[in-house]
């Protein structure tokens, strides 16, 4: 008879929000990152339609591209969430999503080709889909100590301050 292995319930090291940061400091730092990233991508989203139109897109193309981007931002979470959970690499998924957003938005402002701009609009939203489930998981670990209601209230409040500039 083969011995039964019991799976450890101890969280993997990548499960921890951040070594060296108190839970509240982690919530505040992550809120600050979200605030700054909102400046980046919310500013870009407010000019997406006019930019695509300037590059020759019709209203239908603008609608399809922005709709496809939103569908990607929401639908791909169904895949990225379980993948992040299975891999337990929440930091890697979070950072990859932020990097994808931070890289696509400036390039979007530099491109003069419609199909490239359309791809970048969608890629920016894919970055949101990649980072959101993993980021929320990291925040959930920190808010276990701060109080879930308070921690998850402070972070979105800071996130929305970044969206006000739009």
N, C-alpha and C. Protein backbone atom coordinates (compact mmCIF):
# COMPACT_ATOMS: atom_id res chain seq x y z
N UNK A 1 0.83 -1.17 0.00
CA UNK A 1 0.00 0.00 0.00
C UNK A 1 0.88 1.25 0.00
N UNK A 2 0.54 2.20 -0.84
CA UNK A 2 1.30 3.44 -0.95
C UNK A 2 0.89 4.41 0.14
N UNK A 3 1.88 5.08 0.77
CA UNK A 3 1.51 6.05 1.81
C UNK A 3 0.77 7.23 1.19
N UNK A 4 -0.16 7.77 1.93
CA UNK A 4 -0.94 8.91 1.48
C UNK A 4 -0.17 10.18 1.85
N UNK A 5 0.00 11.03 0.86
CA UNK A 5 0.66 12.31 1.12
C UNK A 5 -0.40 13.36 1.43
N UNK A 6 -0.18 14.05 2.49
CA UNK A 6 -1.10 15.11 2.87
C UNK A 6 -0.53 16.42 2.37
N UNK A 7 -1.35 17.11 1.62
CA UNK A 7 -0.93 18.39 1.06
C UNK A 7 -0.83 19.42 2.18
N UNK A 8 0.23 20.19 2.16
CA UNK A 8 0.43 21.21 3.17
C UNK A 8 -0.56 22.35 2.98
N UNK A 9 -1.09 22.84 4.08
CA UNK A 9 -1.98 23.99 4.01
C UNK A 9 -1.23 25.29 4.28
N UNK A 10 0.06 25.20 4.47
CA UNK A 10 0.86 26.40 4.67
C UNK A 10 0.96 27.13 3.35
N UNK A 11 0.67 28.44 3.34
CA UNK A 11 0.73 29.17 2.09
C UNK A 11 2.15 29.23 1.53
N UNK A 12 2.23 29.25 0.23
CA UNK A 12 3.52 29.38 -0.44
C UNK A 12 4.09 30.76 -0.15
N UNK A 13 5.42 30.91 -0.21
CA UNK A 13 6.02 32.23 0.04
C UNK A 13 5.46 33.31 -0.87
N UNK A 14 5.10 32.97 -2.11
CA UNK A 14 4.58 33.98 -3.02
C UNK A 14 3.17 34.42 -2.65
N UNK A 15 2.57 33.72 -1.68
CA UNK A 15 1.24 34.08 -1.19
C UNK A 15 1.27 35.34 -0.34
N UNK A 16 2.40 35.62 0.26
CA UNK A 16 2.49 36.73 1.19
C UNK A 16 2.46 38.05 0.44
N UNK A 17 1.74 39.05 0.96
CA UNK A 17 1.68 40.34 0.28
C UNK A 17 3.05 40.96 0.08
N UNK A 18 3.80 41.16 1.11
CA UNK A 18 5.14 41.73 0.96
C UNK A 18 5.86 41.63 2.29
N UNK A 19 7.02 41.04 2.24
CA UNK A 19 7.81 40.95 3.47
C UNK A 19 8.35 42.34 3.78
N UNK A 20 8.31 42.71 5.03
CA UNK A 20 8.86 43.99 5.44
C UNK A 20 7.84 45.12 5.43
N UNK A 21 6.65 44.89 4.89
CA UNK A 21 5.61 45.91 4.91
C UNK A 21 4.51 45.47 5.86
N UNK A 22 4.08 46.38 6.70
CA UNK A 22 2.94 46.07 7.55
C UNK A 22 1.71 45.96 6.66
N UNK A 23 0.66 45.29 7.11
CA UNK A 23 -0.54 45.16 6.27
C UNK A 23 -1.10 46.51 5.82
N UNK A 24 -1.17 47.49 6.72
CA UNK A 24 -1.70 48.80 6.32
C UNK A 24 -0.79 49.48 5.32
N UNK A 25 0.50 49.37 5.54
CA UNK A 25 1.43 49.99 4.59
C UNK A 25 1.31 49.33 3.23
N UNK A 26 1.12 48.02 3.22
CA UNK A 26 0.93 47.30 1.96
C UNK A 26 -0.32 47.81 1.23
N UNK A 27 -1.43 47.95 1.97
CA UNK A 27 -2.67 48.46 1.36
C UNK A 27 -2.43 49.86 0.80
N UNK A 28 -1.72 50.69 1.54
CA UNK A 28 -1.47 52.07 1.09
C UNK A 28 -0.53 52.10 -0.12
N UNK A 29 0.51 51.29 -0.10
CA UNK A 29 1.43 51.25 -1.24
C UNK A 29 0.71 50.74 -2.49
N UNK A 30 -0.05 49.68 -2.33
CA UNK A 30 -0.79 49.14 -3.47
C UNK A 30 -1.84 50.13 -3.95
N UNK A 31 -2.46 50.85 -3.02
CA UNK A 31 -3.40 51.89 -3.40
C UNK A 31 -2.72 52.99 -4.19
N UNK A 32 -1.51 53.35 -3.77
CA UNK A 32 -0.73 54.36 -4.51
C UNK A 32 -0.36 53.89 -5.91
N UNK A 33 0.01 52.63 -6.03
CA UNK A 33 0.32 52.08 -7.35
C UNK A 33 -0.92 52.11 -8.23
N UNK A 34 -2.05 51.72 -7.67
CA UNK A 34 -3.30 51.74 -8.44
C UNK A 34 -3.67 53.16 -8.84
N UNK A 35 -3.48 54.10 -7.94
CA UNK A 35 -3.76 55.51 -8.24
C UNK A 35 -2.92 55.98 -9.42
N UNK A 36 -1.63 55.71 -9.36
CA UNK A 36 -0.74 56.15 -10.44
C UNK A 36 -1.04 55.45 -11.76
N UNK A 37 -1.35 54.16 -11.69
CA UNK A 37 -1.68 53.45 -12.93
C UNK A 37 -2.99 53.95 -13.52
N UNK A 38 -3.92 54.39 -12.66
CA UNK A 38 -5.16 54.96 -13.18
C UNK A 38 -4.88 56.25 -13.95
N UNK A 39 -3.93 57.03 -13.48
CA UNK A 39 -3.55 58.21 -14.25
C UNK A 39 -3.13 57.81 -15.66
N UNK A 40 -2.41 56.71 -15.75
CA UNK A 40 -1.91 56.25 -17.05
C UNK A 40 -3.05 55.74 -17.92
N UNK A 41 -3.76 54.71 -17.45
CA UNK A 41 -4.69 54.08 -18.38
C UNK A 41 -6.04 54.78 -18.48
N UNK A 42 -6.49 55.46 -17.45
CA UNK A 42 -7.75 56.20 -17.58
C UNK A 42 -7.56 57.41 -18.49
N UNK A 43 -6.39 58.02 -18.43
CA UNK A 43 -6.11 59.12 -19.35
C UNK A 43 -6.10 58.65 -20.79
N UNK A 44 -5.53 57.48 -21.01
CA UNK A 44 -5.49 56.92 -22.37
C UNK A 44 -6.89 56.54 -22.83
N UNK A 45 -7.68 55.97 -21.95
CA UNK A 45 -9.03 55.54 -22.35
C UNK A 45 -9.90 56.72 -22.74
N UNK A 46 -9.65 57.88 -22.15
CA UNK A 46 -10.48 59.04 -22.47
C UNK A 46 -10.20 59.59 -23.87
N UNK A 47 -9.06 59.26 -24.44
CA UNK A 47 -8.74 59.75 -25.79
C UNK A 47 -8.69 58.63 -26.83
N UNK A 48 -9.06 57.42 -26.44
CA UNK A 48 -8.99 56.28 -27.36
C UNK A 48 -9.83 56.51 -28.61
N UNK A 49 -11.07 56.91 -28.43
CA UNK A 49 -11.96 57.14 -29.58
C UNK A 49 -11.42 58.17 -30.53
N UNK A 50 -11.09 59.38 -30.04
CA UNK A 50 -10.54 60.39 -30.94
C UNK A 50 -9.22 59.97 -31.60
N UNK A 51 -8.37 59.25 -30.85
CA UNK A 51 -7.11 58.80 -31.43
C UNK A 51 -7.35 57.82 -32.57
N UNK A 52 -8.21 56.83 -32.33
CA UNK A 52 -8.50 55.86 -33.39
C UNK A 52 -9.16 56.54 -34.58
N UNK A 53 -10.05 57.50 -34.34
CA UNK A 53 -10.69 58.25 -35.43
C UNK A 53 -9.65 59.05 -36.21
N UNK A 54 -8.69 59.64 -35.51
CA UNK A 54 -7.62 60.39 -36.17
C UNK A 54 -6.78 59.48 -37.09
N UNK A 55 -6.67 58.22 -36.69
CA UNK A 55 -5.90 57.26 -37.49
C UNK A 55 -6.75 56.63 -38.60
N UNK A 56 -8.01 57.05 -38.72
CA UNK A 56 -8.85 56.58 -39.81
C UNK A 56 -9.93 55.59 -39.45
N UNK A 57 -10.14 55.34 -38.19
CA UNK A 57 -11.16 54.37 -37.78
C UNK A 57 -12.55 54.99 -37.88
N UNK A 58 -13.49 54.17 -38.30
CA UNK A 58 -14.89 54.60 -38.29
C UNK A 58 -15.44 54.43 -36.87
N UNK A 59 -16.64 54.92 -36.66
CA UNK A 59 -17.28 54.76 -35.35
C UNK A 59 -17.49 53.28 -35.03
N UNK A 60 -17.77 52.48 -36.03
CA UNK A 60 -17.95 51.04 -35.82
C UNK A 60 -16.65 50.40 -35.35
N UNK A 61 -15.55 50.76 -35.97
CA UNK A 61 -14.25 50.20 -35.58
C UNK A 61 -13.91 50.62 -34.15
N UNK A 62 -14.14 51.87 -33.82
CA UNK A 62 -13.88 52.35 -32.45
C UNK A 62 -14.71 51.55 -31.46
N UNK A 63 -15.99 51.35 -31.77
CA UNK A 63 -16.86 50.59 -30.88
C UNK A 63 -16.45 49.14 -30.74
N UNK A 64 -16.07 48.52 -31.85
CA UNK A 64 -15.65 47.11 -31.81
C UNK A 64 -14.35 46.96 -31.02
N UNK A 65 -13.40 47.84 -31.25
CA UNK A 65 -12.10 47.75 -30.57
C UNK A 65 -12.25 48.00 -29.07
N UNK A 66 -12.96 49.05 -28.70
CA UNK A 66 -13.12 49.33 -27.27
C UNK A 66 -13.98 48.25 -26.61
N UNK A 67 -14.96 47.75 -27.32
CA UNK A 67 -15.77 46.65 -26.78
C UNK A 67 -14.95 45.38 -26.61
N UNK A 68 -14.10 45.08 -27.59
CA UNK A 68 -13.23 43.90 -27.49
C UNK A 68 -12.25 44.06 -26.33
N UNK A 69 -11.77 45.28 -26.11
CA UNK A 69 -10.88 45.53 -24.98
C UNK A 69 -11.58 45.31 -23.66
N UNK A 70 -12.80 45.80 -23.53
CA UNK A 70 -13.54 45.59 -22.29
C UNK A 70 -13.88 44.12 -22.09
N UNK A 71 -14.23 43.44 -23.19
CA UNK A 71 -14.52 42.00 -23.09
C UNK A 71 -13.27 41.24 -22.63
N UNK A 72 -12.11 41.66 -23.15
CA UNK A 72 -10.86 41.02 -22.73
C UNK A 72 -10.58 41.30 -21.26
N UNK A 73 -10.82 42.54 -20.83
CA UNK A 73 -10.55 42.91 -19.43
C UNK A 73 -11.40 42.10 -18.46
N UNK A 74 -12.61 41.79 -18.87
CA UNK A 74 -13.50 41.04 -17.98
C UNK A 74 -13.42 39.54 -18.20
N UNK A 75 -13.45 39.12 -19.45
CA UNK A 75 -13.49 37.70 -19.76
C UNK A 75 -12.21 36.95 -19.47
N UNK A 76 -11.08 37.57 -19.74
CA UNK A 76 -9.81 36.87 -19.50
C UNK A 76 -9.51 36.65 -18.03
N UNK A 77 -10.22 37.35 -17.17
CA UNK A 77 -10.05 37.10 -15.73
C UNK A 77 -10.48 35.69 -15.37
N UNK A 78 -11.40 35.14 -16.16
CA UNK A 78 -11.83 33.76 -15.91
C UNK A 78 -10.69 32.78 -16.11
N UNK A 79 -9.71 33.16 -16.91
CA UNK A 79 -8.54 32.31 -17.12
C UNK A 79 -7.37 32.73 -16.22
N UNK A 80 -7.12 34.03 -16.13
CA UNK A 80 -5.94 34.49 -15.37
C UNK A 80 -6.09 34.25 -13.88
N UNK A 81 -7.30 34.34 -13.35
CA UNK A 81 -7.51 34.07 -11.93
C UNK A 81 -7.14 32.65 -11.54
N UNK A 82 -7.73 31.64 -12.20
CA UNK A 82 -7.34 30.27 -11.88
C UNK A 82 -5.87 29.96 -12.15
N UNK A 83 -5.31 30.56 -13.22
CA UNK A 83 -3.90 30.33 -13.51
C UNK A 83 -3.01 30.91 -12.41
N UNK A 84 -3.32 32.10 -11.96
CA UNK A 84 -2.55 32.70 -10.88
C UNK A 84 -2.69 31.88 -9.61
N UNK A 85 -3.90 31.40 -9.36
CA UNK A 85 -4.15 30.60 -8.16
C UNK A 85 -3.40 29.28 -8.23
N UNK A 86 -3.41 28.65 -9.39
CA UNK A 86 -2.72 27.36 -9.54
C UNK A 86 -1.21 27.52 -9.43
N UNK A 87 -0.68 28.59 -10.03
CA UNK A 87 0.78 28.79 -10.01
C UNK A 87 1.26 29.38 -8.68
N UNK A 88 0.35 30.04 -7.94
CA UNK A 88 0.68 30.71 -6.67
C UNK A 88 1.71 31.81 -6.88
N UNK A 89 1.81 32.31 -8.09
CA UNK A 89 2.77 33.38 -8.40
C UNK A 89 2.02 34.69 -8.56
N UNK A 90 1.41 35.14 -7.49
CA UNK A 90 0.55 36.32 -7.53
C UNK A 90 1.33 37.58 -7.87
N UNK A 91 2.54 37.69 -7.33
CA UNK A 91 3.37 38.86 -7.65
C UNK A 91 3.71 38.89 -9.13
N UNK A 92 4.07 37.77 -9.70
CA UNK A 92 4.45 37.73 -11.12
C UNK A 92 3.27 38.15 -11.99
N UNK A 93 2.09 37.65 -11.70
CA UNK A 93 0.91 38.00 -12.50
C UNK A 93 0.56 39.48 -12.33
N UNK A 94 0.65 39.97 -11.11
CA UNK A 94 0.35 41.38 -10.85
C UNK A 94 1.32 42.29 -11.57
N UNK A 95 2.59 42.00 -11.44
CA UNK A 95 3.61 42.84 -12.07
C UNK A 95 3.50 42.75 -13.59
N UNK A 96 3.28 41.56 -14.13
CA UNK A 96 3.13 41.41 -15.58
C UNK A 96 1.97 42.24 -16.10
N UNK A 97 0.86 42.25 -15.40
CA UNK A 97 -0.29 43.05 -15.83
C UNK A 97 0.00 44.53 -15.79
N UNK A 98 0.66 44.99 -14.73
CA UNK A 98 1.01 46.41 -14.65
C UNK A 98 2.02 46.79 -15.72
N UNK A 99 2.99 45.94 -15.98
CA UNK A 99 3.99 46.22 -17.02
C UNK A 99 3.34 46.29 -18.39
N UNK A 100 2.42 45.37 -18.66
CA UNK A 100 1.74 45.38 -19.96
C UNK A 100 0.98 46.70 -20.15
N UNK A 101 0.29 47.14 -19.14
CA UNK A 101 -0.42 48.42 -19.22
C UNK A 101 0.54 49.58 -19.37
N UNK A 102 1.57 49.60 -18.53
CA UNK A 102 2.53 50.71 -18.56
C UNK A 102 3.31 50.77 -19.86
N UNK A 103 3.47 49.64 -20.53
CA UNK A 103 4.20 49.64 -21.80
C UNK A 103 3.30 50.01 -22.98
N UNK A 104 2.06 49.57 -22.96
CA UNK A 104 1.19 49.79 -24.13
C UNK A 104 0.70 51.23 -24.24
N UNK A 105 0.42 51.89 -23.15
CA UNK A 105 -0.16 53.22 -23.21
C UNK A 105 0.78 54.24 -23.86
N UNK A 106 2.04 54.34 -23.46
CA UNK A 106 2.91 55.31 -24.14
C UNK A 106 3.12 54.99 -25.63
N UNK A 107 3.21 53.71 -25.94
CA UNK A 107 3.39 53.32 -27.35
C UNK A 107 2.14 53.69 -28.14
N UNK A 108 0.98 53.60 -27.51
CA UNK A 108 -0.27 53.98 -28.17
C UNK A 108 -0.22 55.44 -28.62
N UNK A 109 0.37 56.29 -27.80
CA UNK A 109 0.50 57.70 -28.15
C UNK A 109 1.49 57.96 -29.27
N UNK A 110 2.38 57.02 -29.51
CA UNK A 110 3.41 57.20 -30.53
C UNK A 110 3.07 56.57 -31.88
N UNK A 111 2.11 55.64 -31.89
CA UNK A 111 1.83 54.92 -33.12
C UNK A 111 1.04 55.78 -34.10
N UNK A 112 1.27 55.53 -35.36
CA UNK A 112 0.54 56.22 -36.41
C UNK A 112 -0.19 55.25 -37.31
N UNK A 113 -0.26 53.99 -36.88
CA UNK A 113 -0.88 52.93 -37.68
C UNK A 113 -2.12 52.43 -36.94
N UNK A 114 -3.25 52.43 -37.64
CA UNK A 114 -4.52 52.09 -37.01
C UNK A 114 -4.53 50.70 -36.41
N UNK A 115 -4.10 49.68 -37.13
CA UNK A 115 -4.19 48.32 -36.60
C UNK A 115 -3.29 48.13 -35.39
N UNK A 116 -2.16 48.84 -35.35
CA UNK A 116 -1.28 48.76 -34.18
C UNK A 116 -1.97 49.41 -32.98
N UNK A 117 -2.58 50.58 -33.22
CA UNK A 117 -3.29 51.27 -32.14
C UNK A 117 -4.43 50.40 -31.60
N UNK A 118 -5.15 49.74 -32.50
CA UNK A 118 -6.25 48.86 -32.06
C UNK A 118 -5.71 47.72 -31.19
N UNK A 119 -4.61 47.13 -31.60
CA UNK A 119 -4.00 46.06 -30.82
C UNK A 119 -3.53 46.54 -29.46
N UNK A 120 -2.99 47.76 -29.41
CA UNK A 120 -2.51 48.30 -28.14
C UNK A 120 -3.66 48.62 -27.19
N UNK A 121 -4.78 49.09 -27.73
CA UNK A 121 -5.96 49.36 -26.89
C UNK A 121 -6.42 48.07 -26.23
N UNK A 122 -6.48 47.00 -27.00
CA UNK A 122 -6.90 45.71 -26.46
C UNK A 122 -5.85 45.16 -25.50
N UNK A 123 -4.57 45.31 -25.84
CA UNK A 123 -3.49 44.81 -24.97
C UNK A 123 -3.50 45.51 -23.61
N UNK A 124 -3.82 46.80 -23.60
CA UNK A 124 -3.88 47.51 -22.31
C UNK A 124 -4.94 46.89 -21.41
N UNK A 125 -6.08 46.54 -21.98
CA UNK A 125 -7.14 45.93 -21.19
C UNK A 125 -6.78 44.49 -20.79
N UNK A 126 -6.01 43.80 -21.61
CA UNK A 126 -5.52 42.47 -21.24
C UNK A 126 -4.63 42.58 -20.00
N UNK A 127 -3.84 43.65 -19.93
CA UNK A 127 -3.02 43.89 -18.74
C UNK A 127 -3.88 43.98 -17.49
N UNK A 128 -5.03 44.62 -17.61
CA UNK A 128 -5.96 44.70 -16.47
C UNK A 128 -6.47 43.32 -16.09
N UNK A 129 -6.78 42.50 -17.10
CA UNK A 129 -7.28 41.15 -16.83
C UNK A 129 -6.22 40.28 -16.18
N UNK A 130 -4.97 40.48 -16.55
CA UNK A 130 -3.88 39.68 -16.01
C UNK A 130 -3.62 40.04 -14.55
N UNK A 131 -3.62 41.32 -14.23
CA UNK A 131 -3.22 41.74 -12.89
C UNK A 131 -4.34 41.69 -11.86
N UNK A 132 -5.57 41.91 -12.25
CA UNK A 132 -6.64 42.11 -11.26
C UNK A 132 -6.86 40.94 -10.30
N UNK A 133 -7.03 39.70 -10.77
CA UNK A 133 -7.26 38.62 -9.79
C UNK A 133 -6.08 38.42 -8.84
N UNK A 134 -4.86 38.48 -9.37
CA UNK A 134 -3.68 38.29 -8.52
C UNK A 134 -3.53 39.44 -7.53
N UNK A 135 -3.77 40.66 -7.98
CA UNK A 135 -3.68 41.82 -7.10
C UNK A 135 -4.71 41.72 -5.98
N UNK A 136 -5.91 41.32 -6.32
CA UNK A 136 -6.96 41.17 -5.30
C UNK A 136 -6.61 40.08 -4.30
N UNK A 137 -5.95 39.03 -4.75
CA UNK A 137 -5.52 37.97 -3.84
C UNK A 137 -4.48 38.50 -2.86
N UNK A 138 -3.50 39.24 -3.36
CA UNK A 138 -2.49 39.82 -2.48
C UNK A 138 -3.14 40.77 -1.48
N UNK A 139 -4.07 41.58 -1.95
CA UNK A 139 -4.77 42.49 -1.04
C UNK A 139 -5.59 41.74 0.00
N UNK A 140 -6.16 40.61 -0.39
CA UNK A 140 -6.96 39.86 0.57
C UNK A 140 -6.11 39.34 1.72
N UNK A 141 -4.86 38.99 1.44
CA UNK A 141 -3.97 38.54 2.51
C UNK A 141 -3.64 39.69 3.46
N UNK A 142 -3.41 40.88 2.91
CA UNK A 142 -3.09 42.02 3.76
C UNK A 142 -4.31 42.45 4.56
N UNK A 143 -5.49 42.42 3.93
CA UNK A 143 -6.68 42.89 4.63
C UNK A 143 -7.18 41.91 5.68
N UNK A 144 -6.63 40.71 5.69
CA UNK A 144 -6.97 39.78 6.77
C UNK A 144 -6.54 40.37 8.10
N UNK A 145 -5.46 41.16 8.09
CA UNK A 145 -4.96 41.79 9.31
C UNK A 145 -5.56 43.17 9.55
N UNK A 146 -5.90 43.89 8.49
CA UNK A 146 -6.41 45.26 8.66
C UNK A 146 -7.91 45.30 8.86
N UNK A 147 -8.56 44.22 8.52
CA UNK A 147 -10.02 44.21 8.46
C UNK A 147 -10.39 44.31 7.00
N UNK A 148 -11.08 43.34 6.50
CA UNK A 148 -11.37 43.29 5.05
C UNK A 148 -12.14 44.52 4.57
N UNK A 149 -13.14 44.92 5.33
CA UNK A 149 -13.93 46.07 4.92
C UNK A 149 -13.11 47.34 4.82
N UNK A 150 -12.29 47.58 5.84
CA UNK A 150 -11.46 48.79 5.83
C UNK A 150 -10.40 48.73 4.75
N UNK A 151 -9.71 47.61 4.65
CA UNK A 151 -8.64 47.49 3.66
C UNK A 151 -9.16 47.60 2.24
N UNK A 152 -10.28 46.91 1.98
CA UNK A 152 -10.83 46.97 0.63
C UNK A 152 -11.60 48.26 0.38
N UNK A 153 -11.82 49.09 1.39
CA UNK A 153 -12.40 50.42 1.18
C UNK A 153 -11.31 51.42 0.85
N UNK A 154 -10.18 51.33 1.55
CA UNK A 154 -9.09 52.28 1.33
C UNK A 154 -8.48 52.10 -0.06
N UNK A 155 -8.22 50.88 -0.45
CA UNK A 155 -7.58 50.64 -1.74
C UNK A 155 -8.41 51.17 -2.91
N UNK A 156 -9.70 50.80 -3.04
CA UNK A 156 -10.48 51.33 -4.16
C UNK A 156 -10.65 52.85 -4.09
N UNK A 157 -10.70 53.41 -2.88
CA UNK A 157 -10.81 54.87 -2.77
C UNK A 157 -9.58 55.53 -3.39
N UNK A 158 -8.41 55.00 -3.09
CA UNK A 158 -7.19 55.54 -3.68
C UNK A 158 -7.17 55.30 -5.19
N UNK A 159 -7.62 54.14 -5.60
CA UNK A 159 -7.69 53.81 -7.02
C UNK A 159 -8.57 54.81 -7.77
N UNK A 160 -9.70 55.17 -7.18
CA UNK A 160 -10.63 56.09 -7.83
C UNK A 160 -10.10 57.51 -7.88
N UNK A 161 -9.25 57.90 -6.96
CA UNK A 161 -8.63 59.22 -7.03
C UNK A 161 -7.83 59.34 -8.32
N UNK A 162 -7.17 58.28 -8.71
CA UNK A 162 -6.43 58.28 -9.98
C UNK A 162 -7.33 58.42 -11.18
N UNK A 163 -8.56 57.95 -11.07
CA UNK A 163 -9.50 58.05 -12.19
C UNK A 163 -10.14 59.43 -12.29
N UNK A 164 -10.04 60.25 -11.25
CA UNK A 164 -10.68 61.57 -11.26
C UNK A 164 -10.10 62.50 -12.31
N UNK A 165 -8.86 62.33 -12.65
CA UNK A 165 -8.22 63.23 -13.61
C UNK A 165 -8.83 63.14 -15.00
N UNK A 166 -9.55 62.08 -15.25
CA UNK A 166 -10.15 61.90 -16.57
C UNK A 166 -11.21 62.93 -16.72
